[in-house]
Each structure stands twice: as structure tokens, then as C-alpha cells.
Protein backbone atom coordinates (compact mmCIF):
# COMPACT_ATOMS: atom_id res chain seq x y z
CA MET A 1 5.75 -18.47 -17.22
CA THR A 2 3.81 -17.62 -14.15
CA SER A 3 1.49 -14.76 -13.74
CA HIS A 4 2.52 -11.69 -11.87
CA PRO A 5 0.49 -12.26 -8.66
CA ASP A 6 1.95 -15.70 -8.41
CA ALA A 7 5.48 -14.65 -9.06
CA THR A 8 5.01 -11.93 -6.59
CA ARG A 9 3.75 -14.00 -4.06
CA THR A 10 6.64 -16.64 -4.37
CA SER A 11 9.12 -13.91 -4.24
CA TYR A 12 8.01 -12.30 -1.25
CA ASP A 13 7.46 -15.73 0.60
CA ALA A 14 11.26 -16.21 -0.19
CA VAL A 15 12.43 -12.94 1.15
CA ALA A 16 9.97 -12.17 4.04
CA ALA A 17 12.28 -12.51 6.89
CA ASP A 18 15.27 -10.60 5.51
CA TYR A 19 13.00 -8.07 3.90
CA ALA A 20 11.39 -7.31 7.32
CA GLU A 21 14.91 -7.02 8.89
CA LEU A 22 16.36 -4.67 6.22
CA LEU A 23 13.38 -2.26 6.18
CA ARG A 24 12.50 -2.50 9.82
CA ASP A 25 13.41 1.16 10.49
CA GLN A 26 13.20 2.66 6.99
CA LEU A 27 10.67 5.28 8.03
CA GLU A 28 12.77 6.95 10.58
CA ASN A 29 14.72 8.66 7.91
CA LYS A 30 11.80 9.62 5.88
CA PRO A 31 10.28 12.65 7.32
CA LEU A 32 8.06 13.59 4.15
CA ASP A 33 6.80 9.83 4.02
CA ARG A 34 5.75 10.14 7.80
CA ALA A 35 4.22 13.39 7.07
CA MET A 36 1.73 11.91 4.55
CA LEU A 37 0.94 8.96 6.78
CA ALA A 38 0.22 11.30 9.54
CA ALA A 39 -2.12 13.47 7.24
CA PHE A 40 -3.84 10.24 6.36
CA ALA A 41 -4.22 9.47 9.91
CA GLU A 42 -5.53 12.89 10.87
CA HIS A 43 -8.25 12.85 8.04
CA VAL A 44 -9.38 9.43 9.20
CA ARG A 45 -9.68 10.43 12.82
CA ALA A 46 -11.26 13.71 11.63
CA GLY A 47 -14.02 11.70 9.87
CA GLY A 48 -14.94 9.69 12.78
CA GLY A 49 -12.48 6.86 12.75
CA GLY A 50 -12.96 3.43 12.03
CA PRO A 51 -11.17 0.26 10.82
CA VAL A 52 -8.27 0.96 8.42
CA ALA A 53 -6.57 -1.58 6.12
CA ASP A 54 -3.05 -1.84 5.18
CA LEU A 55 -3.55 -3.25 1.92
CA GLY A 56 -0.16 -5.19 0.71
CA CYS A 57 1.10 -4.78 4.18
CA GLY A 58 4.37 -7.10 4.04
CA PRO A 59 5.87 -7.63 7.38
CA GLY A 60 3.45 -5.14 8.99
CA ARG A 61 5.84 -2.38 9.83
CA VAL A 62 3.46 0.53 8.56
CA THR A 63 0.47 -1.31 9.87
CA ALA A 64 2.04 -0.69 13.24
CA HIS A 65 2.96 2.84 12.33
CA LEU A 66 -0.60 3.48 11.60
CA GLU A 67 -1.57 2.11 15.05
CA ALA A 68 0.91 4.28 16.74
CA LEU A 69 -1.06 7.23 15.02
CA GLY A 70 -4.12 6.23 16.83
CA LEU A 71 -5.83 4.29 13.99
CA ASP A 72 -7.61 0.99 14.16
CA ALA A 73 -5.46 -0.79 11.63
CA PHE A 74 -5.05 -4.27 10.32
CA GLY A 75 -2.90 -5.79 7.36
CA ILE A 76 -3.63 -7.94 4.20
CA ASP A 77 -0.93 -9.30 2.01
CA LEU A 78 -0.91 -11.67 -0.74
CA SER A 79 2.30 -13.64 0.49
CA PRO A 80 1.68 -16.05 3.26
CA GLY A 81 5.28 -15.62 4.28
CA MET A 82 5.01 -11.92 4.90
CA VAL A 83 1.68 -12.24 6.82
CA ALA A 84 3.67 -14.89 9.03
CA VAL A 85 6.38 -12.46 9.62
CA ALA A 86 4.05 -9.65 10.55
CA ARG A 87 2.01 -11.92 12.93
CA ARG A 88 5.32 -12.82 14.59
CA ASP A 89 6.68 -9.06 14.78
CA HIS A 90 3.37 -7.43 15.70
CA PRO A 91 1.24 -10.13 17.54
CA HIS A 92 -1.18 -7.53 18.93
CA LEU A 93 -2.34 -6.70 15.42
CA ARG A 94 -4.62 -8.64 13.00
CA PHE A 95 -3.01 -9.83 9.55
CA GLU A 96 -4.72 -11.99 6.88
CA VAL A 97 -3.70 -13.52 3.36
CA GLY A 98 -5.70 -11.80 0.69
CA SER A 99 -5.60 -10.20 -2.85
CA MET A 100 -6.11 -6.56 -3.27
CA THR A 101 -8.19 -6.92 -6.44
CA ALA A 102 -10.63 -9.37 -4.46
CA LEU A 103 -10.94 -8.26 -0.73
CA ASP A 104 -13.71 -10.87 0.05
CA SER A 105 -13.39 -10.65 3.90
CA ILE A 106 -14.30 -6.82 3.52
CA LYS A 107 -17.85 -5.74 3.05
CA ASP A 108 -19.01 -2.68 1.08
CA ASP A 109 -18.53 0.55 2.67
CA ALA A 110 -16.76 -1.06 5.59
CA LEU A 111 -13.40 1.00 6.20
CA ALA A 112 -12.62 4.47 7.42
CA GLY A 113 -9.39 4.17 5.61
CA ALA A 114 -7.11 2.03 3.24
CA LEU A 115 -3.33 2.54 2.57
CA ALA A 116 -1.63 0.93 -0.43
CA TRP A 117 2.02 1.69 0.66
CA TYR A 118 4.13 0.72 -2.50
CA SER A 119 2.01 -2.28 -2.82
CA THR A 120 0.80 -1.55 -6.26
CA VAL A 121 4.25 -1.43 -7.60
CA HIS A 122 4.29 -4.89 -9.06
CA THR A 123 1.18 -4.21 -11.24
CA PRO A 124 0.99 -2.75 -14.58
CA VAL A 125 -0.51 0.97 -14.88
CA ASP A 126 -3.45 -0.35 -16.93
CA GLU A 127 -4.48 -2.73 -14.27
CA LEU A 128 -4.66 -0.19 -11.51
CA PRO A 129 -8.41 0.28 -12.18
CA LEU A 130 -9.09 -3.17 -10.74
CA PHE A 131 -7.31 -2.14 -7.52
CA PHE A 132 -9.02 1.29 -7.40
CA ALA A 133 -12.51 -0.17 -7.85
CA GLU A 134 -12.18 -2.53 -5.00
CA PHE A 135 -10.51 0.26 -2.80
CA GLU A 136 -13.59 2.48 -3.73
CA ARG A 137 -15.95 -0.66 -2.80
CA ILE A 138 -14.59 -1.18 0.75
CA LEU A 139 -14.45 2.49 1.84
CA ILE A 140 -17.27 4.27 3.76
CA PRO A 141 -18.32 7.62 1.95
CA GLY A 142 -15.95 9.97 3.12
CA GLY A 143 -13.30 7.44 3.61
CA HIS A 144 -9.73 8.10 2.90
CA LEU A 145 -7.02 6.43 0.67
CA LEU A 146 -3.27 6.97 0.60
CA LEU A 147 -1.29 5.56 -2.18
CA ALA A 148 2.60 5.41 -2.41
CA PHE A 149 4.51 4.43 -5.50
CA LYS A 150 7.70 4.99 -7.58
CA VAL A 151 7.50 7.72 -10.19
CA GLY A 152 8.26 7.20 -14.00
CA ASP A 153 6.81 5.40 -16.82
CA GLU A 154 8.66 2.16 -17.14
CA HIS A 155 9.40 -0.92 -15.25
CA VAL A 156 12.34 -3.19 -14.21
CA HIS A 157 12.75 -6.67 -13.48
CA LEU A 158 14.31 -7.79 -10.40
CA ALA A 159 16.12 -11.15 -10.33
CA HIS A 160 17.82 -10.71 -7.06
CA ALA A 161 17.29 -8.69 -4.13
CA TYR A 162 17.21 -8.94 -0.27
CA GLY A 163 19.73 -11.66 -0.41
CA HIS A 164 17.46 -13.95 -2.50
CA ASP A 165 16.69 -14.95 -6.31
CA LEU A 166 13.50 -13.24 -7.22
CA ASP A 167 10.82 -12.97 -10.17
CA LEU A 168 9.43 -9.43 -9.73
CA GLU A 169 8.49 -6.77 -12.11
CA VAL A 170 8.60 -3.22 -10.46
CA HIS A 171 6.60 -0.49 -12.17
CA ARG A 172 6.76 3.14 -12.15
CA PHE A 173 3.91 5.38 -12.38
CA PRO A 174 3.45 9.03 -13.68
CA PRO A 175 1.47 10.64 -10.68
CA GLU A 176 -1.02 12.52 -13.27
CA ARG A 177 -1.80 9.14 -14.66
CA VAL A 178 -2.38 7.78 -11.10
CA ALA A 179 -4.61 10.68 -10.34
CA GLU A 180 -6.60 10.36 -13.49
CA LEU A 181 -7.32 6.71 -12.63
CA LEU A 182 -8.54 7.41 -9.19
CA ARG A 183 -10.78 10.21 -10.39
CA ALA A 184 -12.18 7.34 -12.96
CA ALA A 185 -12.57 5.19 -10.01
CA GLY A 186 -14.80 7.99 -8.22
CA PHE A 187 -12.36 9.39 -5.88
CA VAL A 188 -11.49 13.11 -5.07
CA GLU A 189 -7.75 14.04 -4.81
CA VAL A 190 -6.96 15.67 -1.45
CA ALA A 191 -3.27 16.02 -1.64
CA ARG A 192 -0.16 14.96 -3.54
CA LEU A 193 3.45 15.01 -2.65
CA VAL A 194 6.33 14.22 -4.93
CA ARG A 195 9.73 13.85 -3.36
CA GLU A 196 13.25 13.42 -4.98
CA ALA A 197 15.06 10.06 -4.72
CA GLU A 198 16.98 9.13 -1.56
CA ALA A 199 19.79 6.58 -1.90
CA PRO A 200 19.28 3.80 -2.49
CA GLU A 201 16.29 4.72 -4.35
CA LYS A 202 16.70 5.25 -8.06
CA THR A 203 13.66 7.62 -8.97
CA ALA A 204 11.23 10.08 -7.15
CA GLN A 205 8.46 8.81 -4.96
CA ALA A 206 4.98 9.92 -4.93
CA PHE A 207 2.26 9.96 -2.60
CA ILE A 208 -1.52 10.62 -3.31
CA LEU A 209 -4.25 11.05 -0.53
CA ALA A 210 -7.64 10.72 -1.74
CA ARG A 211 -11.33 10.63 -0.45
CA LYS A 212 -14.43 8.80 -1.55
CA PRO A 213 -17.15 11.32 -1.58
CA GLU A 214 -19.79 11.39 0.72
CA ALA A 215 -23.07 9.67 -0.47
CA GLY A 216 -25.77 12.14 -2.23
């Protein structure tokens, strides 16, 4: 059996082109999702701006949305196939292959903002501290983090989606548990939004905006 990062990478390599096409306009009909992205962007700009990483960027559609909101955004994804599609569709933006638990290309205290837009959903909740510690490391004091995830306390296995056979575990998280883990990683919660599911979603969706405290 492959580890979940290997299975996630292989699955997203397989679906990259079809995934990008199917989800290309997804944000257009999600005003609350866009509102959280806009709030994130405004907080980053109010703090003086700076580079922002879209972590687990997939085909780059949300990275491009962040740029349209006035941010200096770039993307990182585990899947080389997704990165190739992102570079094809958004050639003016920077995308690179990397793991969210080992962001070796990013120095300590380097980013004004970090986004994990449904990119932690293939990870069990007990492993989230590994992600959050790395997010805290790369953000400047006062930098902001926005998470989006599915609400629940269970996981499902996807064997087929986007027209392809897959091997993906999709985890749902209780918002209070995620908030607790963020606090343990040193973050201060700024805002939280939970909205009801919209077809074809199966569960409510959650968004947490958090800040790395200023030094001292």
C-alpha cells in the first residue's frame, strides 16, 4: 500500500487536466468563499503586503484569483501534473512542486500570507500539526493564514472521480478541532465561517482566517 502523499500525488497527476476544466469557474457561484478570500487579501494588504503562497494550489485557479485581489501570489503543489497545468493556464504566475510539510524553498518568516484551500483534506486530523508548524515557520510575524476544509469527523475513500480511477482519502474536520490545533501552533484566530453544503457538496464547508502574532 502506498503512503497517502504518494497516493495523493499519483491521483492528482492522473486527473490534473480534467480537474482544471471541471473546477475552472467554481468560485463564480460561491459568494461566501470569495468573501473569505477577499478578507484574507485585505488583511495581507493592510499589513504591508508581500509574497503569498497558495499551498496545494492544484491547477492555479485560486492563485490567479489571489493575484486579481492584488496579492503577489505564487503556487506550490505536491503533484507535478497539477503544476504543469497551472503553468500552462497561468504562465505569468510562478508555480513549483513541493510538499506542504517541507517547504524547503521558503525561508523562515518570508511570507505575508499563506492559503491552504482544501489542500489539507487528504491528511488525517492528527497530522495537521505538521502542516501548521510549517505554515507558522514561513509566515512573517503578523502574517495571515486562510484555511478551507470540509466539516465533519470522518473520512471517505474516493476510488473514481473527475473521470479517472483514484486512490484518495478525503478527511473532514470539526472546525473547533482545527482552531484548537492552530492555537497550539501559535496562531491567533481572526475569523471563522461555516456555510451549508451546496450541490454537489456532501457536507458543510469551513473557513478559518488566522494570524501569526507580532514578535515580542
